[in-house]
Amino acid sequence: MEEVVQHQSRQSCRVVWRRDDKPGVAFGRAHALSAVVTAIVVAGALLSSSRFVIAQTSLEKQAQCELSAIRDTRSVVAIQFIRSACNWLALNGDSLLNEGSKRYYVCLVQQLSGAQADQAAGAIASACRTSYPP
């Protein structure tokens, strides 16, 4: 007949084992499971916070780009182009795959800054598109 013994360990871990089991093995399994769960929780927290940091950095990049370019700009069309270009640069500007398109958006930000009239902004955007096709 098999006898089951229950034991309360020092670390509030309820361990159940048979007479021929070793208490250290049962406690070791519980400790290993606890370590795995802790590792998963920590990894999840790190991954979610790193995504937030990346998103925050992109938003900051876009805001800085807009602040530097829109400063003296009066044209509504120019401001729309600048915001769009800053958004693209903040999200894609660091990628080597987008090097060709990047020059177009940089041109928009640099050349539209300070534009006073919508007609001038349209001409500048057209010139950037011709010089650096996206």
N, C-alpha and C. Protein backbone atom coordinates (compact mmCIF):
# COMPACT_ATOMS: atom_id res chain seq x y z
N MET A 1 0.83 -1.18 0.00
CA MET A 1 0.00 0.00 0.00
C MET A 1 0.88 1.25 0.00
N GLU A 2 0.50 2.21 -0.82
CA GLU A 2 1.28 3.43 -0.98
C GLU A 2 0.76 4.49 -0.03
N GLU A 3 1.64 5.14 0.64
CA GLU A 3 1.24 6.17 1.59
C GLU A 3 1.64 7.53 1.02
N VAL A 4 0.72 8.48 1.02
CA VAL A 4 0.99 9.81 0.51
C VAL A 4 1.19 10.73 1.70
N VAL A 5 2.27 11.49 1.66
CA VAL A 5 2.60 12.40 2.74
C VAL A 5 2.56 13.82 2.21
N GLN A 6 1.95 14.74 2.93
CA GLN A 6 1.93 16.15 2.55
C GLN A 6 2.84 16.93 3.48
N HIS A 7 3.53 17.90 2.90
CA HIS A 7 4.50 18.66 3.68
C HIS A 7 4.42 20.13 3.29
N GLN A 8 4.45 21.01 4.24
CA GLN A 8 4.48 22.45 3.98
C GLN A 8 5.93 22.90 4.10
N SER A 9 6.50 23.40 3.00
CA SER A 9 7.92 23.79 3.03
C SER A 9 8.07 25.18 3.63
N ARG A 10 9.31 25.63 3.79
CA ARG A 10 9.60 26.92 4.38
C ARG A 10 9.15 28.08 3.49
N GLN A 11 9.07 27.87 2.18
CA GLN A 11 8.74 28.95 1.26
C GLN A 11 7.28 28.92 0.83
N SER A 12 6.40 28.39 1.64
CA SER A 12 4.97 28.33 1.38
C SER A 12 4.64 27.64 0.06
N CYS A 13 5.37 26.61 -0.24
CA CYS A 13 5.11 25.82 -1.44
C CYS A 13 4.59 24.47 -0.97
N ARG A 14 3.35 24.14 -1.33
CA ARG A 14 2.77 22.88 -0.91
C ARG A 14 3.33 21.76 -1.76
N VAL A 15 3.98 20.82 -1.16
CA VAL A 15 4.63 19.73 -1.87
C VAL A 15 3.96 18.42 -1.48
N VAL A 16 3.59 17.63 -2.45
CA VAL A 16 3.00 16.32 -2.20
C VAL A 16 3.90 15.29 -2.87
N TRP A 17 4.31 14.26 -2.14
CA TRP A 17 5.14 13.22 -2.71
C TRP A 17 4.84 11.89 -2.06
N ARG A 18 5.21 10.84 -2.79
CA ARG A 18 5.07 9.50 -2.23
C ARG A 18 6.32 9.19 -1.43
N ARG A 19 6.23 8.13 -0.63
CA ARG A 19 7.32 7.78 0.26
C ARG A 19 8.63 7.53 -0.50
N ASP A 20 8.56 7.01 -1.75
CA ASP A 20 9.78 6.72 -2.49
C ASP A 20 10.31 7.92 -3.28
N ASP A 21 9.54 9.05 -3.32
CA ASP A 21 10.01 10.27 -3.99
C ASP A 21 10.99 11.01 -3.09
N LYS A 22 11.77 11.87 -3.73
CA LYS A 22 12.69 12.73 -2.97
C LYS A 22 12.07 14.11 -2.88
N PRO A 23 11.96 14.70 -1.70
CA PRO A 23 11.33 16.02 -1.55
C PRO A 23 12.00 17.09 -2.41
N GLY A 24 13.29 17.05 -2.56
CA GLY A 24 14.02 18.05 -3.34
C GLY A 24 13.60 18.07 -4.79
N VAL A 25 13.24 16.92 -5.36
CA VAL A 25 12.83 16.84 -6.76
C VAL A 25 11.50 17.56 -6.96
N ALA A 26 10.54 17.30 -6.07
CA ALA A 26 9.23 17.93 -6.18
C ALA A 26 9.36 19.44 -6.01
N PHE A 27 10.15 19.88 -5.04
CA PHE A 27 10.34 21.31 -4.83
C PHE A 27 11.09 21.93 -6.00
N GLY A 28 12.04 21.22 -6.55
CA GLY A 28 12.81 21.71 -7.71
C GLY A 28 11.93 21.95 -8.92
N ARG A 29 10.95 21.05 -9.15
CA ARG A 29 10.03 21.23 -10.27
C ARG A 29 9.17 22.48 -10.07
N ALA A 30 8.67 22.68 -8.86
CA ALA A 30 7.85 23.85 -8.57
C ALA A 30 8.68 25.13 -8.72
N HIS A 31 9.91 25.10 -8.27
CA HIS A 31 10.81 26.25 -8.37
C HIS A 31 11.13 26.55 -9.84
N ALA A 32 11.35 25.50 -10.64
CA ALA A 32 11.64 25.68 -12.07
C ALA A 32 10.44 26.28 -12.79
N LEU A 33 9.25 25.80 -12.47
CA LEU A 33 8.03 26.33 -13.08
C LEU A 33 7.87 27.81 -12.72
N SER A 34 8.10 28.14 -11.49
CA SER A 34 8.02 29.53 -11.05
C SER A 34 9.02 30.41 -11.79
N ALA A 35 10.23 29.90 -12.00
CA ALA A 35 11.27 30.65 -12.71
C ALA A 35 10.87 30.87 -14.17
N VAL A 36 10.27 29.87 -14.81
CA VAL A 36 9.84 30.00 -16.21
C VAL A 36 8.73 31.04 -16.33
N VAL A 37 7.75 30.98 -15.44
CA VAL A 37 6.65 31.94 -15.47
C VAL A 37 7.19 33.36 -15.26
N THR A 38 8.09 33.52 -14.32
CA THR A 38 8.69 34.83 -14.06
C THR A 38 9.44 35.34 -15.29
N ALA A 39 10.19 34.47 -15.95
CA ALA A 39 10.94 34.86 -17.15
C ALA A 39 10.00 35.31 -18.26
N ILE A 40 8.88 34.61 -18.43
CA ILE A 40 7.92 34.98 -19.47
C ILE A 40 7.30 36.34 -19.17
N VAL A 41 6.95 36.59 -17.93
CA VAL A 41 6.36 37.87 -17.54
C VAL A 41 7.35 39.01 -17.76
N VAL A 42 8.60 38.81 -17.36
CA VAL A 42 9.63 39.84 -17.53
C VAL A 42 9.88 40.10 -19.02
N ALA A 43 9.97 39.04 -19.82
CA ALA A 43 10.20 39.21 -21.26
C ALA A 43 9.04 39.97 -21.91
N GLY A 44 7.83 39.67 -21.53
CA GLY A 44 6.67 40.38 -22.06
C GLY A 44 6.70 41.85 -21.70
N ALA A 45 7.07 42.14 -20.47
CA ALA A 45 7.13 43.54 -20.04
C ALA A 45 8.21 44.30 -20.82
N LEU A 46 9.35 43.67 -21.02
CA LEU A 46 10.43 44.33 -21.77
C LEU A 46 10.03 44.57 -23.21
N LEU A 47 9.41 43.58 -23.86
CA LEU A 47 9.02 43.74 -25.25
C LEU A 47 7.96 44.82 -25.42
N SER A 48 6.98 44.85 -24.54
CA SER A 48 5.93 45.86 -24.68
C SER A 48 6.48 47.26 -24.40
N SER A 49 7.40 47.40 -23.45
CA SER A 49 7.95 48.72 -23.17
C SER A 49 8.89 49.16 -24.28
N SER A 50 9.59 48.24 -24.95
CA SER A 50 10.47 48.65 -26.04
C SER A 50 9.65 49.13 -27.23
N ARG A 51 8.48 48.54 -27.47
CA ARG A 51 7.60 49.02 -28.54
C ARG A 51 7.13 50.43 -28.23
N PHE A 52 6.82 50.71 -26.97
CA PHE A 52 6.38 52.04 -26.57
C PHE A 52 7.50 53.05 -26.79
N VAL A 53 8.72 52.67 -26.43
CA VAL A 53 9.86 53.57 -26.60
C VAL A 53 10.07 53.89 -28.07
N ILE A 54 9.96 52.89 -28.94
CA ILE A 54 10.11 53.11 -30.37
C ILE A 54 9.03 54.04 -30.87
N ALA A 55 7.79 53.80 -30.47
CA ALA A 55 6.67 54.65 -30.90
C ALA A 55 6.88 56.08 -30.40
N GLN A 56 7.30 56.22 -29.18
CA GLN A 56 7.51 57.53 -28.61
C GLN A 56 8.64 58.24 -29.37
N THR A 57 9.68 57.53 -29.71
CA THR A 57 10.79 58.12 -30.45
C THR A 57 10.33 58.58 -31.82
N SER A 58 9.51 57.82 -32.51
CA SER A 58 8.99 58.21 -33.82
C SER A 58 8.14 59.47 -33.71
N LEU A 59 7.31 59.52 -32.69
CA LEU A 59 6.48 60.71 -32.50
C LEU A 59 7.34 61.93 -32.20
N GLU A 60 8.36 61.74 -31.39
CA GLU A 60 9.26 62.85 -31.07
C GLU A 60 10.00 63.33 -32.31
N LYS A 61 10.47 62.37 -33.14
CA LYS A 61 11.16 62.74 -34.38
C LYS A 61 10.25 63.56 -35.27
N GLN A 62 9.02 63.10 -35.42
CA GLN A 62 8.07 63.80 -36.27
C GLN A 62 7.80 65.20 -35.73
N ALA A 63 7.60 65.31 -34.44
CA ALA A 63 7.32 66.61 -33.84
C ALA A 63 8.49 67.58 -34.02
N GLN A 64 9.71 67.09 -33.82
CA GLN A 64 10.89 67.94 -33.99
C GLN A 64 11.03 68.40 -35.44
N CYS A 65 10.79 67.49 -36.37
CA CYS A 65 10.85 67.81 -37.80
C CYS A 65 9.83 68.90 -38.13
N GLU A 66 8.61 68.73 -37.67
CA GLU A 66 7.56 69.71 -37.95
C GLU A 66 7.88 71.06 -37.32
N LEU A 67 8.36 71.05 -36.08
CA LEU A 67 8.68 72.30 -35.41
C LEU A 67 9.77 73.08 -36.15
N SER A 68 10.76 72.36 -36.64
CA SER A 68 11.86 73.05 -37.32
C SER A 68 11.46 73.55 -38.70
N ALA A 69 10.55 72.87 -39.38
CA ALA A 69 10.21 73.23 -40.76
C ALA A 69 9.02 74.18 -40.88
N ILE A 70 8.06 74.09 -39.99
CA ILE A 70 6.83 74.87 -40.13
C ILE A 70 6.96 76.28 -39.56
N ARG A 71 7.99 76.51 -38.84
CA ARG A 71 8.17 77.76 -38.08
C ARG A 71 7.63 79.02 -38.79
N ASP A 72 8.14 79.40 -39.94
CA ASP A 72 7.71 80.63 -40.63
C ASP A 72 6.83 80.35 -41.85
N THR A 73 6.33 79.15 -41.97
CA THR A 73 5.54 78.75 -43.13
C THR A 73 4.09 79.23 -42.97
N ARG A 74 3.55 79.90 -44.01
CA ARG A 74 2.19 80.41 -43.96
C ARG A 74 1.25 79.63 -44.89
N SER A 75 1.80 78.93 -45.85
CA SER A 75 0.99 78.19 -46.81
C SER A 75 0.41 76.92 -46.18
N VAL A 76 -0.91 76.79 -46.28
CA VAL A 76 -1.60 75.60 -45.76
C VAL A 76 -1.13 74.35 -46.51
N VAL A 77 -0.97 74.47 -47.82
CA VAL A 77 -0.52 73.35 -48.65
C VAL A 77 0.89 72.92 -48.23
N ALA A 78 1.77 73.89 -48.00
CA ALA A 78 3.14 73.59 -47.59
C ALA A 78 3.15 72.87 -46.24
N ILE A 79 2.32 73.33 -45.32
CA ILE A 79 2.25 72.70 -44.00
C ILE A 79 1.77 71.26 -44.11
N GLN A 80 0.80 71.00 -44.98
CA GLN A 80 0.32 69.63 -45.18
C GLN A 80 1.44 68.75 -45.75
N PHE A 81 2.15 69.26 -46.75
CA PHE A 81 3.28 68.50 -47.32
C PHE A 81 4.36 68.25 -46.28
N ILE A 82 4.68 69.27 -45.48
CA ILE A 82 5.72 69.13 -44.46
C ILE A 82 5.31 68.09 -43.43
N ARG A 83 4.07 68.15 -42.97
CA ARG A 83 3.62 67.15 -41.97
C ARG A 83 3.68 65.74 -42.53
N SER A 84 3.25 65.58 -43.75
CA SER A 84 3.29 64.27 -44.40
C SER A 84 4.73 63.78 -44.54
N ALA A 85 5.62 64.67 -44.97
CA ALA A 85 7.03 64.30 -45.15
C ALA A 85 7.68 63.98 -43.81
N CYS A 86 7.40 64.77 -42.79
CA CYS A 86 7.97 64.50 -41.46
C CYS A 86 7.48 63.16 -40.91
N ASN A 87 6.22 62.85 -41.15
CA ASN A 87 5.68 61.57 -40.72
C ASN A 87 6.42 60.43 -41.43
N TRP A 88 6.58 60.55 -42.74
CA TRP A 88 7.28 59.50 -43.50
C TRP A 88 8.72 59.37 -43.00
N LEU A 89 9.41 60.48 -42.81
CA LEU A 89 10.80 60.43 -42.36
C LEU A 89 10.93 59.82 -40.96
N ALA A 90 9.99 60.15 -40.07
CA ALA A 90 10.04 59.61 -38.71
C ALA A 90 9.86 58.10 -38.71
N LEU A 91 9.00 57.60 -39.59
CA LEU A 91 8.71 56.16 -39.62
C LEU A 91 9.67 55.37 -40.50
N ASN A 92 10.14 55.95 -41.60
CA ASN A 92 10.92 55.20 -42.58
C ASN A 92 12.32 55.75 -42.84
N GLY A 93 12.65 56.88 -42.27
CA GLY A 93 13.89 57.57 -42.59
C GLY A 93 15.16 56.81 -42.28
N ASP A 94 15.13 55.91 -41.29
CA ASP A 94 16.34 55.17 -40.91
C ASP A 94 16.54 53.90 -41.72
N SER A 95 15.59 53.54 -42.54
CA SER A 95 15.66 52.29 -43.30
C SER A 95 16.49 52.48 -44.57
N LEU A 96 17.42 51.58 -44.80
CA LEU A 96 18.24 51.63 -46.01
C LEU A 96 17.41 51.28 -47.25
N LEU A 97 16.30 50.59 -47.06
CA LEU A 97 15.45 50.21 -48.19
C LEU A 97 14.77 51.42 -48.82
N ASN A 98 14.67 52.50 -48.09
CA ASN A 98 13.94 53.68 -48.56
C ASN A 98 14.85 54.85 -48.91
N GLU A 99 16.12 54.59 -49.18
CA GLU A 99 17.06 55.68 -49.46
C GLU A 99 16.62 56.55 -50.62
N GLY A 100 16.10 55.95 -51.70
CA GLY A 100 15.66 56.72 -52.86
C GLY A 100 14.53 57.66 -52.53
N SER A 101 13.54 57.17 -51.82
CA SER A 101 12.38 58.00 -51.45
C SER A 101 12.74 59.03 -50.40
N LYS A 102 13.70 58.73 -49.59
CA LYS A 102 14.07 59.63 -48.49
C LYS A 102 14.48 61.01 -49.02
N ARG A 103 15.22 61.05 -50.10
CA ARG A 103 15.69 62.34 -50.63
C ARG A 103 14.51 63.23 -51.02
N TYR A 104 13.45 62.63 -51.55
CA TYR A 104 12.25 63.39 -51.92
C TYR A 104 11.63 64.05 -50.69
N TYR A 105 11.47 63.30 -49.62
CA TYR A 105 10.84 63.83 -48.41
C TYR A 105 11.73 64.87 -47.71
N VAL A 106 13.02 64.65 -47.75
CA VAL A 106 13.95 65.64 -47.19
C VAL A 106 13.85 66.94 -47.99
N CYS A 107 13.77 66.81 -49.32
CA CYS A 107 13.61 67.98 -50.19
C CYS A 107 12.35 68.75 -49.81
N LEU A 108 11.24 68.04 -49.62
CA LEU A 108 9.99 68.71 -49.24
C LEU A 108 10.16 69.50 -47.94
N VAL A 109 10.74 68.87 -46.93
CA VAL A 109 10.88 69.53 -45.63
C VAL A 109 11.79 70.74 -45.75
N GLN A 110 12.90 70.60 -46.43
CA GLN A 110 13.86 71.70 -46.52
C GLN A 110 13.35 72.85 -47.39
N GLN A 111 12.77 72.52 -48.54
CA GLN A 111 12.40 73.56 -49.50
C GLN A 111 11.05 74.22 -49.20
N LEU A 112 10.15 73.50 -48.56
CA LEU A 112 8.83 74.08 -48.26
C LEU A 112 8.84 74.94 -47.00
N SER A 113 9.87 74.80 -46.20
CA SER A 113 9.97 75.58 -44.98
C SER A 113 10.00 77.06 -45.33
N GLY A 114 9.06 77.79 -44.80
CA GLY A 114 8.99 79.23 -45.05
C GLY A 114 8.12 79.62 -46.23
N ALA A 115 7.52 78.65 -46.92
CA ALA A 115 6.66 78.97 -48.07
C ALA A 115 5.47 79.82 -47.60
N GLN A 116 5.18 80.87 -48.37
CA GLN A 116 4.13 81.82 -47.99
C GLN A 116 2.82 81.60 -48.73
N ALA A 117 2.88 81.04 -49.94
CA ALA A 117 1.68 80.90 -50.76
C ALA A 117 1.49 79.46 -51.20
N ASP A 118 0.23 79.05 -51.34
CA ASP A 118 -0.09 77.68 -51.75
C ASP A 118 0.45 77.38 -53.15
N GLN A 119 0.38 78.37 -54.04
CA GLN A 119 0.88 78.17 -55.40
C GLN A 119 2.38 77.90 -55.39
N ALA A 120 3.13 78.60 -54.59
CA ALA A 120 4.57 78.38 -54.47
C ALA A 120 4.85 76.99 -53.88
N ALA A 121 4.06 76.59 -52.90
CA ALA A 121 4.23 75.27 -52.29
C ALA A 121 4.01 74.16 -53.31
N GLY A 122 3.00 74.33 -54.15
CA GLY A 122 2.75 73.34 -55.20
C GLY A 122 3.91 73.24 -56.17
N ALA A 123 4.48 74.38 -56.55
CA ALA A 123 5.63 74.39 -57.47
C ALA A 123 6.85 73.75 -56.82
N ILE A 124 7.07 74.01 -55.55
CA ILE A 124 8.21 73.42 -54.83
C ILE A 124 8.05 71.90 -54.74
N ALA A 125 6.85 71.45 -54.39
CA ALA A 125 6.59 70.00 -54.29
C ALA A 125 6.80 69.33 -55.64
N SER A 126 6.38 69.99 -56.71
CA SER A 126 6.56 69.45 -58.06
C SER A 126 8.05 69.35 -58.41
N ALA A 127 8.80 70.37 -58.04
CA ALA A 127 10.25 70.36 -58.30
C ALA A 127 10.94 69.25 -57.51
N CYS A 128 10.55 69.03 -56.26
CA CYS A 128 11.13 67.93 -55.46
C CYS A 128 10.79 66.59 -56.09
N ARG A 129 9.56 66.44 -56.56
CA ARG A 129 9.13 65.19 -57.18
C ARG A 129 9.92 64.93 -58.46
N THR A 130 10.19 65.96 -59.23
CA THR A 130 10.96 65.81 -60.47
C THR A 130 12.43 65.50 -60.17
N SER A 131 12.99 66.19 -59.20
CA SER A 131 14.40 65.99 -58.86
C SER A 131 14.67 64.66 -58.16
N TYR A 132 13.75 64.25 -57.30
CA TYR A 132 13.91 63.02 -56.51
C TYR A 132 12.62 62.22 -56.57
N PRO A 133 12.37 61.50 -57.63
CA PRO A 133 11.10 60.74 -57.73
C PRO A 133 10.95 59.75 -56.57
N PRO A 134 9.79 59.80 -55.91
CA PRO A 134 9.58 58.89 -54.75
C PRO A 134 9.40 57.44 -55.17
